[in-house]
Amino acid sequence: QRQLELALAALPESLRVVFALRELEGLSTEETAAALGLGASAVKVRLHRARLRLRELLAGYLAGEGAEP
């Protein structure tokens, strides 16, 4: 969980907020768009970019480099 927190903190705010609302808070794309004053397509793009960046940031940890025995 600590690795995820660090990775989330490393995201640009525009991506982090969308990721948090969609994935952590469970808002729909439309709800997230309304909350942030964005279009649904912008939310989808930002969520996609956030997931890609998190995957990159967590790749080493998920491959076992940071896993505890």
N, C-alpha and C. Protein backbone atom coordinates (compact mmCIF):
# COMPACT_ATOMS: atom_id res chain seq x y z
N GLN A 1 0.83 -1.19 0.00
CA GLN A 1 0.00 0.00 0.00
C GLN A 1 0.87 1.26 0.00
N ARG A 2 1.99 1.21 0.70
CA ARG A 2 2.88 2.37 0.74
C ARG A 2 3.40 2.70 -0.66
N GLN A 3 3.72 1.67 -1.43
CA GLN A 3 4.21 1.89 -2.79
C GLN A 3 3.14 2.57 -3.64
N LEU A 4 1.90 2.15 -3.47
CA LEU A 4 0.80 2.77 -4.21
C LEU A 4 0.64 4.23 -3.82
N GLU A 5 0.74 4.51 -2.53
CA GLU A 5 0.63 5.90 -2.06
C GLU A 5 1.73 6.77 -2.67
N LEU A 6 2.95 6.24 -2.70
CA LEU A 6 4.07 6.98 -3.29
C LEU A 6 3.86 7.20 -4.78
N ALA A 7 3.38 6.17 -5.46
CA ALA A 7 3.14 6.28 -6.90
C ALA A 7 2.03 7.30 -7.18
N LEU A 8 0.97 7.26 -6.39
CA LEU A 8 -0.11 8.23 -6.57
C LEU A 8 0.38 9.66 -6.34
N ALA A 9 1.22 9.83 -5.34
CA ALA A 9 1.75 11.16 -5.04
C ALA A 9 2.63 11.68 -6.17
N ALA A 10 3.22 10.77 -6.94
CA ALA A 10 4.09 11.17 -8.04
C ALA A 10 3.31 11.58 -9.29
N LEU A 11 2.03 11.25 -9.34
CA LEU A 11 1.22 11.63 -10.50
C LEU A 11 0.95 13.13 -10.50
N PRO A 12 0.84 13.71 -11.69
CA PRO A 12 0.38 15.11 -11.75
C PRO A 12 -1.03 15.19 -11.13
N GLU A 13 -1.32 16.31 -10.50
CA GLU A 13 -2.60 16.46 -9.81
C GLU A 13 -3.80 16.17 -10.71
N SER A 14 -3.74 16.60 -11.96
CA SER A 14 -4.88 16.40 -12.86
C SER A 14 -5.18 14.92 -13.07
N LEU A 15 -4.16 14.09 -13.06
CA LEU A 15 -4.36 12.64 -13.22
C LEU A 15 -4.72 12.00 -11.88
N ARG A 16 -4.07 12.44 -10.82
CA ARG A 16 -4.29 11.87 -9.49
C ARG A 16 -5.74 12.06 -9.05
N VAL A 17 -6.29 13.25 -9.28
CA VAL A 17 -7.66 13.54 -8.85
C VAL A 17 -8.66 12.66 -9.59
N VAL A 18 -8.49 12.53 -10.90
CA VAL A 18 -9.39 11.68 -11.68
C VAL A 18 -9.27 10.23 -11.22
N PHE A 19 -8.05 9.75 -11.04
CA PHE A 19 -7.85 8.37 -10.60
C PHE A 19 -8.52 8.14 -9.24
N ALA A 20 -8.32 9.07 -8.32
CA ALA A 20 -8.89 8.92 -6.98
C ALA A 20 -10.41 8.89 -7.01
N LEU A 21 -11.01 9.79 -7.77
CA LEU A 21 -12.47 9.83 -7.83
C LEU A 21 -13.04 8.57 -8.47
N ARG A 22 -12.42 8.13 -9.55
CA ARG A 22 -12.94 6.96 -10.29
C ARG A 22 -12.63 5.65 -9.56
N GLU A 23 -11.39 5.44 -9.20
CA GLU A 23 -10.97 4.14 -8.69
C GLU A 23 -11.07 3.99 -7.18
N LEU A 24 -10.84 5.06 -6.45
CA LEU A 24 -10.86 4.97 -4.99
C LEU A 24 -12.22 5.35 -4.41
N GLU A 25 -12.87 6.35 -5.00
CA GLU A 25 -14.17 6.79 -4.51
C GLU A 25 -15.34 6.11 -5.22
N GLY A 26 -15.07 5.51 -6.37
CA GLY A 26 -16.10 4.76 -7.08
C GLY A 26 -17.08 5.59 -7.89
N LEU A 27 -16.72 6.83 -8.19
CA LEU A 27 -17.60 7.66 -9.01
C LEU A 27 -17.60 7.17 -10.45
N SER A 28 -18.69 7.37 -11.13
CA SER A 28 -18.77 7.03 -12.55
C SER A 28 -18.00 8.08 -13.36
N THR A 29 -17.81 7.79 -14.62
CA THR A 29 -17.15 8.75 -15.50
C THR A 29 -17.94 10.05 -15.53
N GLU A 30 -19.25 9.95 -15.65
CA GLU A 30 -20.10 11.14 -15.72
C GLU A 30 -20.06 11.93 -14.41
N GLU A 31 -20.09 11.23 -13.28
CA GLU A 31 -20.03 11.91 -11.98
C GLU A 31 -18.69 12.62 -11.79
N THR A 32 -17.63 11.95 -12.20
CA THR A 32 -16.29 12.55 -12.10
C THR A 32 -16.20 13.78 -12.99
N ALA A 33 -16.71 13.67 -14.20
CA ALA A 33 -16.70 14.80 -15.13
C ALA A 33 -17.45 15.99 -14.54
N ALA A 34 -18.62 15.74 -13.98
CA ALA A 34 -19.42 16.81 -13.40
C ALA A 34 -18.72 17.44 -12.20
N ALA A 35 -18.11 16.62 -11.37
CA ALA A 35 -17.43 17.12 -10.18
C ALA A 35 -16.24 18.01 -10.53
N LEU A 36 -15.59 17.70 -11.64
CA LEU A 36 -14.38 18.43 -12.02
C LEU A 36 -14.62 19.46 -13.13
N GLY A 37 -15.84 19.51 -13.65
CA GLY A 37 -16.13 20.44 -14.73
C GLY A 37 -15.44 20.07 -16.03
N LEU A 38 -15.32 18.78 -16.27
CA LEU A 38 -14.67 18.26 -17.48
C LEU A 38 -15.68 17.50 -18.31
N GLY A 39 -15.31 17.21 -19.54
CA GLY A 39 -16.11 16.33 -20.37
C GLY A 39 -15.78 14.88 -20.03
N ALA A 40 -16.70 13.99 -20.36
CA ALA A 40 -16.48 12.57 -20.09
C ALA A 40 -15.24 12.05 -20.81
N SER A 41 -15.00 12.52 -22.02
CA SER A 41 -13.84 12.05 -22.77
C SER A 41 -12.54 12.48 -22.10
N ALA A 42 -12.51 13.67 -21.51
CA ALA A 42 -11.32 14.13 -20.79
C ALA A 42 -11.05 13.26 -19.57
N VAL A 43 -12.11 12.87 -18.88
CA VAL A 43 -11.96 11.98 -17.72
C VAL A 43 -11.39 10.64 -18.17
N LYS A 44 -11.90 10.10 -19.26
CA LYS A 44 -11.41 8.81 -19.76
C LYS A 44 -9.94 8.88 -20.15
N VAL A 45 -9.55 9.96 -20.81
CA VAL A 45 -8.15 10.12 -21.22
C VAL A 45 -7.25 10.24 -19.99
N ARG A 46 -7.66 11.05 -19.03
CA ARG A 46 -6.84 11.23 -17.82
C ARG A 46 -6.74 9.95 -17.01
N LEU A 47 -7.83 9.20 -16.94
CA LEU A 47 -7.80 7.93 -16.21
C LEU A 47 -6.85 6.96 -16.91
N HIS A 48 -6.92 6.90 -18.21
CA HIS A 48 -6.03 6.02 -18.98
C HIS A 48 -4.57 6.41 -18.75
N ARG A 49 -4.27 7.69 -18.81
CA ARG A 49 -2.90 8.16 -18.59
C ARG A 49 -2.44 7.87 -17.16
N ALA A 50 -3.34 8.04 -16.20
CA ALA A 50 -2.99 7.76 -14.80
C ALA A 50 -2.66 6.29 -14.62
N ARG A 51 -3.48 5.42 -15.20
CA ARG A 51 -3.22 3.97 -15.09
C ARG A 51 -1.89 3.59 -15.73
N LEU A 52 -1.61 4.15 -16.90
CA LEU A 52 -0.33 3.86 -17.57
C LEU A 52 0.84 4.31 -16.71
N ARG A 53 0.74 5.51 -16.18
CA ARG A 53 1.84 6.05 -15.36
C ARG A 53 2.01 5.24 -14.08
N LEU A 54 0.93 4.85 -13.44
CA LEU A 54 1.02 4.03 -12.24
C LEU A 54 1.65 2.68 -12.56
N ARG A 55 1.28 2.12 -13.68
CA ARG A 55 1.86 0.84 -14.10
C ARG A 55 3.38 0.98 -14.25
N GLU A 56 3.81 2.08 -14.85
CA GLU A 56 5.25 2.33 -15.01
C GLU A 56 5.92 2.51 -13.65
N LEU A 57 5.31 3.30 -12.79
CA LEU A 57 5.90 3.59 -11.49
C LEU A 57 5.97 2.35 -10.59
N LEU A 58 5.01 1.47 -10.73
CA LEU A 58 4.94 0.28 -9.87
C LEU A 58 5.54 -0.97 -10.50
N ALA A 59 6.05 -0.86 -11.72
CA ALA A 59 6.54 -2.04 -12.44
C ALA A 59 7.60 -2.80 -11.65
N GLY A 60 8.58 -2.12 -11.12
CA GLY A 60 9.63 -2.79 -10.36
C GLY A 60 9.10 -3.46 -9.12
N TYR A 61 8.24 -2.77 -8.41
CA TYR A 61 7.65 -3.33 -7.19
C TYR A 61 6.83 -4.57 -7.51
N LEU A 62 6.02 -4.49 -8.55
CA LEU A 62 5.17 -5.62 -8.92
C LEU A 62 5.97 -6.80 -9.44
N ALA A 63 7.17 -6.53 -9.96
CA ALA A 63 8.03 -7.60 -10.46
C ALA A 63 8.77 -8.28 -9.32
N GLY A 64 8.61 -7.79 -8.10
CA GLY A 64 9.20 -8.44 -6.96
C GLY A 64 10.37 -7.70 -6.33
N GLU A 65 10.80 -6.60 -6.92
CA GLU A 65 11.94 -5.88 -6.39
C GLU A 65 11.66 -5.27 -5.02
N GLY A 66 10.44 -4.84 -4.79
CA GLY A 66 10.13 -4.18 -3.52
C GLY A 66 9.27 -5.02 -2.61
N ALA A 67 8.95 -6.22 -3.03
CA ALA A 67 8.07 -7.08 -2.23
C ALA A 67 8.81 -7.60 -1.01
N GLU A 68 8.11 -7.64 0.09
CA GLU A 68 8.70 -8.18 1.32
C GLU A 68 8.63 -9.70 1.28
N PRO A 69 9.60 -10.37 1.90
CA PRO A 69 9.61 -11.85 1.89
C PRO A 69 8.44 -12.45 2.63
